[in-house]
Amino acid sequence: MPFEIGARASYASATELLEVFRNSIRPFYVQRVIMTATEKDTVELRVIGKTFYQPETTLKITEEIVQ
């Protein structure tokens, strides 16, 4: 599933957002990160990538006597 996220934040907050991606349990394939300096200590951040979805499965547990 392709995605694109954009944000405007301080440099520290933008790097924290990238850390959230890095530490997520969801697998992300980041194709491009674009950081553009704007006025007054802020940056525009754009992240383009893919993530993966696996549908829910059920677990069938059975009991068996082993002799």
Protein backbone atom coordinates (compact mmCIF):
# COMPACT_ATOMS: atom_id res chain seq x y z
CA MET A 1 0.00 0.00 0.00
CA PRO A 2 1.72 3.19 -1.12
CA PHE A 3 1.61 6.22 1.15
CA GLU A 4 2.77 9.82 1.28
CA ILE A 5 2.96 11.92 4.43
CA GLY A 6 3.75 15.60 4.70
CA ALA A 7 4.40 17.73 7.77
CA ARG A 8 5.77 21.12 8.74
CA ALA A 9 7.58 21.13 12.07
CA SER A 10 10.76 22.02 13.87
CA TYR A 11 13.83 20.05 12.85
CA ALA A 12 13.74 18.15 16.16
CA SER A 13 10.07 17.19 15.72
CA ALA A 14 10.65 16.13 12.11
CA THR A 15 13.47 13.81 13.14
CA GLU A 16 11.26 12.41 15.94
CA LEU A 17 8.62 11.59 13.32
CA LEU A 18 11.21 9.68 11.29
CA GLU A 19 12.15 7.77 14.47
CA VAL A 20 8.48 6.76 14.86
CA PHE A 21 8.64 5.16 11.41
CA ARG A 22 11.92 3.45 12.24
CA ASN A 23 10.63 2.00 15.54
CA SER A 24 7.19 0.94 14.28
CA ILE A 25 6.24 -2.73 14.29
CA ARG A 26 4.57 -2.21 10.91
CA PRO A 27 7.02 -2.80 8.06
CA PHE A 28 7.70 0.37 6.06
CA TYR A 29 9.73 0.66 2.89
CA VAL A 30 10.68 4.33 2.69
CA GLN A 31 11.44 5.26 -0.90
CA ARG A 32 12.10 8.97 -0.48
CA VAL A 33 12.51 11.52 2.31
CA ILE A 34 12.48 15.18 1.35
CA MET A 35 13.30 17.86 3.94
CA THR A 36 13.08 21.50 2.88
CA ALA A 37 14.13 24.38 5.12
CA THR A 38 11.44 27.03 5.58
CA GLU A 39 11.27 30.23 7.56
CA LYS A 40 12.09 30.45 11.26
CA ASP A 41 13.55 27.11 12.36
CA THR A 42 10.99 24.91 10.65
CA VAL A 43 11.29 22.28 7.94
CA GLU A 44 8.85 20.75 5.53
CA LEU A 45 9.05 16.98 5.62
CA ARG A 46 7.70 14.67 2.95
CA VAL A 47 7.94 10.88 3.22
CA ILE A 48 7.02 8.62 0.31
CA GLY A 49 6.98 4.87 0.66
CA LYS A 50 5.10 1.60 0.91
CA THR A 51 3.70 -0.40 3.77
CA PHE A 52 2.33 -3.88 3.79
CA TYR A 53 -0.99 -5.28 4.93
CA GLN A 54 -1.70 -8.84 5.92
CA PRO A 55 -5.31 -9.77 6.66
CA GLU A 56 -6.33 -11.13 10.03
CA THR A 57 -6.13 -14.88 10.49
CA THR A 58 -7.69 -17.16 13.07
CA LEU A 59 -5.87 -19.70 15.16
CA LYS A 60 -7.52 -23.09 15.60
CA ILE A 61 -6.23 -24.88 18.67
CA THR A 62 -7.07 -28.53 19.11
CA GLU A 63 -6.42 -30.89 21.98
CA GLU A 64 -4.94 -34.32 21.46
CA ILE A 65 -3.87 -36.94 24.01
CA VAL A 66 -0.38 -38.25 23.31
CA GLN A 67 0.46 -41.68 24.71
